[in-house]
Protein backbone atom coordinates (compact mmCIF):
# COMPACT_ATOMS: atom_id res chain seq x y z
CA MET A 1 0.00 0.00 0.00
CA ARG A 2 1.27 3.46 -0.88
CA PHE A 3 0.59 6.13 1.75
CA ASN A 4 0.53 9.80 0.87
CA PHE A 5 0.38 11.90 4.00
CA LEU A 6 -0.88 15.07 2.33
CA PHE A 7 -4.46 13.98 2.75
CA PHE A 8 -5.01 17.03 4.93
CA ALA A 9 -3.47 19.48 2.60
CA PHE A 10 -6.07 18.72 -0.03
CA PHE A 11 -9.15 17.32 1.60
CA LEU A 12 -11.18 20.42 0.79
CA TYR A 13 -10.97 21.25 -2.87
CA ILE A 14 -13.71 23.76 -2.44
CA CYS A 15 -13.09 27.31 -3.46
CA THR A 16 -14.83 30.45 -4.61
CA ASN A 17 -13.94 34.06 -5.28
CA ALA A 18 -11.33 35.86 -3.19
CA PHE A 19 -12.32 35.51 0.44
CA ALA A 20 -12.11 37.40 3.69
CA PHE A 21 -9.45 35.92 5.96
CA ASP A 22 -9.01 36.81 9.61
CA ILE A 23 -7.67 33.79 11.46
CA SER A 24 -4.26 32.49 12.50
CA GLU A 25 -4.00 28.98 13.88
CA LYS A 26 -2.03 25.76 14.12
CA LEU A 27 -3.73 22.36 14.07
CA ASN A 28 -1.94 19.06 14.75
CA TYR A 29 -3.23 15.60 13.77
CA ASP A 30 -2.32 11.97 14.37
CA LEU A 31 -2.61 9.74 11.30
CA THR A 32 -3.73 6.17 11.93
CA TRP A 33 -4.24 3.09 9.78
CA ALA A 34 -5.99 0.02 11.20
CA GLY A 35 -5.83 1.72 14.60
CA ILE A 36 -2.03 2.12 14.42
CA LYS A 37 -0.33 5.52 14.37
CA VAL A 38 1.54 5.86 11.08
CA GLY A 39 2.35 9.56 11.05
CA GLU A 40 1.57 13.14 11.98
CA SER A 41 0.23 16.14 10.08
CA MET A 42 0.07 19.86 10.74
CA LEU A 43 -1.90 22.79 9.29
CA GLU A 44 -0.77 26.32 10.12
CA VAL A 45 -1.79 29.84 9.08
CA LYS A 46 0.47 32.87 9.52
CA ASP A 47 -0.59 36.46 8.86
CA ASN A 48 2.39 38.39 7.47
CA GLY A 49 0.51 41.64 6.92
CA SER A 50 0.17 41.99 3.16
CA GLU A 51 0.29 38.20 2.72
CA ILE A 52 -1.00 35.10 4.45
CA GLN A 53 0.88 31.83 4.35
CA ILE A 54 -0.90 28.51 4.80
CA THR A 55 1.38 25.55 5.46
CA SER A 56 0.66 21.84 5.60
CA LYS A 57 3.34 19.37 6.65
CA ALA A 58 3.17 15.63 7.12
CA SER A 59 5.67 12.99 8.16
CA SER A 60 5.75 9.28 8.83
CA ALA A 61 6.14 7.80 12.30
CA LYS A 62 9.65 6.60 13.21
CA TRP A 63 8.79 2.94 12.83
CA VAL A 64 7.27 3.58 9.40
CA SER A 65 10.27 5.67 8.30
CA VAL A 66 12.55 2.66 8.71
CA PHE A 67 11.14 1.17 5.51
CA TYR A 68 9.06 4.01 4.02
CA LYS A 69 10.04 7.56 4.98
CA VAL A 70 7.59 10.36 4.29
CA ASN A 71 8.33 14.08 4.39
CA ASP A 72 5.68 16.16 2.60
CA SER A 73 4.88 19.86 2.57
CA VAL A 74 2.48 22.24 0.86
CA ILE A 75 2.62 26.03 1.09
CA SER A 76 -0.07 28.37 -0.22
CA THR A 77 0.67 32.09 -0.23
CA LEU A 78 -2.25 34.52 -0.49
CA LYS A 79 -2.01 38.23 -1.21
CA LYS A 80 -4.25 41.01 -0.01
CA GLN A 81 -6.64 42.64 -2.47
CA THR A 82 -9.08 45.48 -1.86
CA SER A 83 -12.68 44.89 -2.84
CA GLU A 84 -13.58 46.99 -5.89
CA ASP A 85 -17.12 47.28 -4.60
CA SER A 86 -16.06 49.60 -1.77
CA LYS A 87 -16.52 53.25 -2.81
CA GLN A 88 -15.18 54.81 0.37
CA LYS A 89 -11.70 54.02 1.68
CA ALA A 90 -13.04 53.41 5.19
CA ASP A 91 -15.53 50.89 3.85
CA ARG A 92 -13.08 48.86 1.80
CA VAL A 93 -13.03 45.13 2.41
CA PHE A 94 -9.67 43.40 2.17
CA MET A 95 -9.79 40.01 0.48
CA TRP A 96 -7.23 37.27 -0.08
CA ILE A 97 -6.44 35.66 -3.43
CA PRO A 98 -3.86 32.95 -4.25
CA LYS A 99 -0.42 34.13 -5.30
CA ASN A 100 1.74 31.03 -5.12
CA TYR A 101 1.20 27.33 -4.43
CA ARG A 102 4.10 24.90 -3.86
CA ILE A 103 3.84 21.16 -3.20
CA LYS A 104 6.79 18.94 -2.31
CA LEU A 105 6.25 15.21 -1.81
CA LYS A 106 8.89 12.73 -0.69
CA GLU A 107 7.50 9.29 0.04
CA GLY A 108 9.96 6.47 -0.27
CA LYS A 109 11.18 6.66 -3.88
CA TYR A 110 8.19 8.79 -4.91
CA ILE A 111 9.23 12.46 -5.30
CA ARG A 112 7.25 15.46 -6.56
CA ASP A 113 8.05 19.17 -6.59
CA LYS A 114 5.47 21.35 -8.32
CA GLU A 115 4.47 25.00 -8.20
CA ILE A 116 1.58 27.15 -9.42
CA ILE A 117 1.97 30.91 -9.82
CA PHE A 118 -1.36 32.74 -10.03
CA ASP A 119 -1.93 35.98 -11.93
CA HIS A 120 -5.54 37.00 -11.44
CA ALA A 121 -5.02 40.27 -13.34
CA THR A 122 -4.45 38.32 -16.57
CA LYS A 123 -6.47 35.27 -15.47
CA LYS A 124 -3.49 32.97 -15.96
CA ALA A 125 -1.79 30.31 -13.87
CA LYS A 126 1.79 29.20 -14.53
CA TYR A 127 2.44 25.56 -13.72
CA ILE A 128 6.06 24.52 -13.01
CA ASN A 129 7.39 21.01 -12.47
CA HIS A 130 10.71 21.50 -10.68
CA ILE A 131 11.72 17.88 -11.26
CA THR A 132 11.25 17.76 -15.04
CA ASN A 133 11.58 21.54 -15.68
CA GLU A 134 8.21 21.51 -17.42
CA SER A 135 6.55 24.95 -17.51
CA LEU A 136 3.06 25.63 -18.85
CA VAL A 137 0.52 28.48 -18.67
CA PHE A 138 -3.21 27.88 -18.24
CA ASP A 139 -6.33 30.04 -18.27
CA ILE A 140 -8.13 30.50 -14.98
CA ASN A 141 -11.20 32.43 -13.81
CA ASP A 142 -11.84 35.08 -11.19
CA SER A 143 -13.16 32.35 -8.90
CA THR A 144 -10.10 30.08 -9.15
CA LEU A 145 -8.14 29.23 -5.99
CA ASP A 146 -5.61 26.58 -5.05
CA PRO A 147 -6.52 23.42 -3.08
CA LEU A 148 -4.99 24.35 0.27
CA SER A 149 -6.40 27.86 0.62
CA CYS A 150 -9.86 26.48 -0.13
CA LEU A 151 -9.85 24.68 3.20
CA TYR A 152 -10.00 27.99 5.01
CA TYR A 153 -12.69 29.41 2.79
CA VAL A 154 -15.19 26.59 3.11
CA ARG A 155 -15.00 26.82 6.88
CA ARG A 156 -16.69 30.21 6.58
CA LEU A 157 -19.49 29.12 4.30
CA PRO A 158 -23.04 28.50 5.54
CA LEU A 159 -23.37 24.71 5.34
CA LYS A 160 -26.83 23.18 5.10
CA VAL A 161 -27.43 19.45 5.46
CA GLY A 162 -28.63 17.92 2.20
CA LYS A 163 -27.17 20.68 0.04
CA SER A 164 -24.07 20.67 -2.17
CA ILE A 165 -21.57 23.41 -2.93
CA PHE A 166 -19.85 23.64 -6.31
CA ILE A 167 -16.55 25.51 -6.44
CA GLU A 168 -13.56 25.86 -8.78
CA VAL A 169 -9.94 24.91 -8.08
CA PHE A 170 -6.81 24.69 -10.24
CA ASP A 171 -4.46 21.76 -9.64
CA SER A 172 -2.39 19.26 -11.62
CA LYS A 173 -2.75 21.28 -14.84
CA LYS A 174 -6.56 21.25 -14.71
CA LEU A 175 -9.52 23.32 -13.54
CA TYR A 176 -11.90 21.31 -11.38
CA ASN A 177 -15.50 22.15 -10.56
CA VAL A 178 -15.61 20.44 -7.20
CA GLU A 179 -18.77 19.29 -5.46
CA VAL A 180 -18.87 19.39 -1.67
CA GLN A 181 -21.75 17.45 -0.17
CA VAL A 182 -23.06 18.42 3.28
CA LEU A 183 -24.20 15.08 4.68
CA ASN A 184 -25.17 15.23 8.33
CA LYS A 185 -24.62 16.56 11.84
CA GLU A 186 -22.87 14.17 14.24
CA ILE A 187 -21.21 13.95 17.66
CA VAL A 188 -17.48 13.12 17.44
CA GLU A 189 -15.11 12.13 20.26
CA THR A 190 -11.43 13.07 20.04
CA PRO A 191 -8.47 13.31 22.46
CA LEU A 192 -9.41 16.98 22.85
CA GLY A 193 -12.98 16.20 23.86
CA THR A 194 -16.42 15.69 22.36
CA PHE A 195 -17.58 17.95 19.53
CA ARG A 196 -20.81 18.66 17.68
CA THR A 197 -19.84 18.46 14.02
CA ILE A 198 -21.00 18.88 10.43
CA LEU A 199 -20.04 15.98 8.16
CA ILE A 200 -19.03 16.90 4.61
CA ARG A 201 -17.78 14.91 1.61
CA PRO A 202 -15.75 16.64 -1.12
CA ILE A 203 -15.71 14.87 -4.49
CA ILE A 204 -12.14 15.49 -5.61
CA LYS A 205 -9.35 14.31 -7.88
CA SER A 206 -5.67 14.95 -7.22
CA GLU A 207 -2.33 13.46 -6.38
CA GLY A 208 -0.99 14.17 -2.94
CA ILE A 209 -3.77 12.34 -1.13
CA PHE A 210 -3.41 8.81 0.20
CA TYR A 211 -3.84 6.56 -2.78
CA ARG A 212 -7.60 6.55 -2.39
CA LYS A 213 -10.17 3.95 -3.29
CA GLY A 214 -13.23 5.74 -1.94
CA ASP A 215 -14.73 8.86 -0.43
CA ILE A 216 -13.09 11.38 1.84
CA LEU A 217 -15.17 12.30 4.87
CA ILE A 218 -14.50 15.40 7.00
CA TRP A 219 -16.05 16.36 10.33
CA LEU A 220 -16.03 20.14 11.02
CA THR A 221 -17.03 21.59 14.37
CA ASP A 222 -20.57 22.95 14.22
CA ASP A 223 -19.64 26.46 15.36
CA GLU A 224 -18.13 29.64 13.94
CA LYS A 225 -14.61 28.16 13.81
CA ARG A 226 -15.49 25.05 11.75
CA ILE A 227 -12.33 23.24 12.86
CA PRO A 228 -11.70 19.89 11.10
CA VAL A 229 -11.49 17.47 14.04
CA LEU A 230 -11.69 14.14 12.19
CA LEU A 231 -10.98 12.96 8.63
CA LYS A 232 -11.33 9.55 7.07
CA THR A 233 -10.58 8.03 3.67
CA LYS A 234 -10.33 4.57 2.15
CA VAL A 235 -7.02 3.38 0.73
CA GLN A 236 -5.99 0.17 -1.02
CA LEU A 237 -5.97 -1.74 2.25
CA GLY A 238 -8.45 -0.44 4.80
CA SER A 239 -8.88 3.21 5.73
CA VAL A 240 -6.83 6.06 7.12
CA LYS A 241 -7.98 8.49 9.81
CA ALA A 242 -6.70 11.85 10.97
CA VAL A 243 -7.67 12.95 14.45
CA LEU A 244 -7.04 16.42 15.86
CA VAL A 245 -4.77 16.13 18.90
CA SER A 246 -3.81 19.75 19.60
CA LYS A 247 -4.57 23.29 18.47
């Protein structure tokens, strides 16, 4: 079985137009397979003033690294943009749009190093493969974001059970119109306590997620923070879970 520990970096391929962003945080997860801890993952947001940097890192547990070492990272950089709808300076709303997206995967002999440079002024995205030196330019739309930044947008959307959200993301040289299904409200127990949650299921396609054989399920806290406390996906042999252990 091939594990890819960037499940968390991509589990929400759900994006829309440039979005308001006002939160800094760090979330840590344990990754388990068949009840055994196989690694750790981290999601962090840093506000650098004119830019925001979202980072996802994942690594294999020591015992796994003996025969299959994993060291993955994804960084999404967003830049500040003023809403054109604001006529008065005092009323302007600052929004965040993707500027740069870099993914580095190192899993055993599997290595990837790719980058996307966004130019929303010209509605173009430059794709760079730093391993093969391939460089291509693609058309994008005003609503296009990268996979990682989308995570923080969807957490601010009104989610209604039984409804789906359709949003656009650019990744792996393609534009995807991603469906996010809002399935149910459930109680979830974690090492940090018991949470009321909203269960969602994004229908996505990408590398950099455990080699999946089924759906990805995500449990977000049913409050204003919408913290992802539990994630689950099927792989070739069984399923993998990510449980929030600290924040």
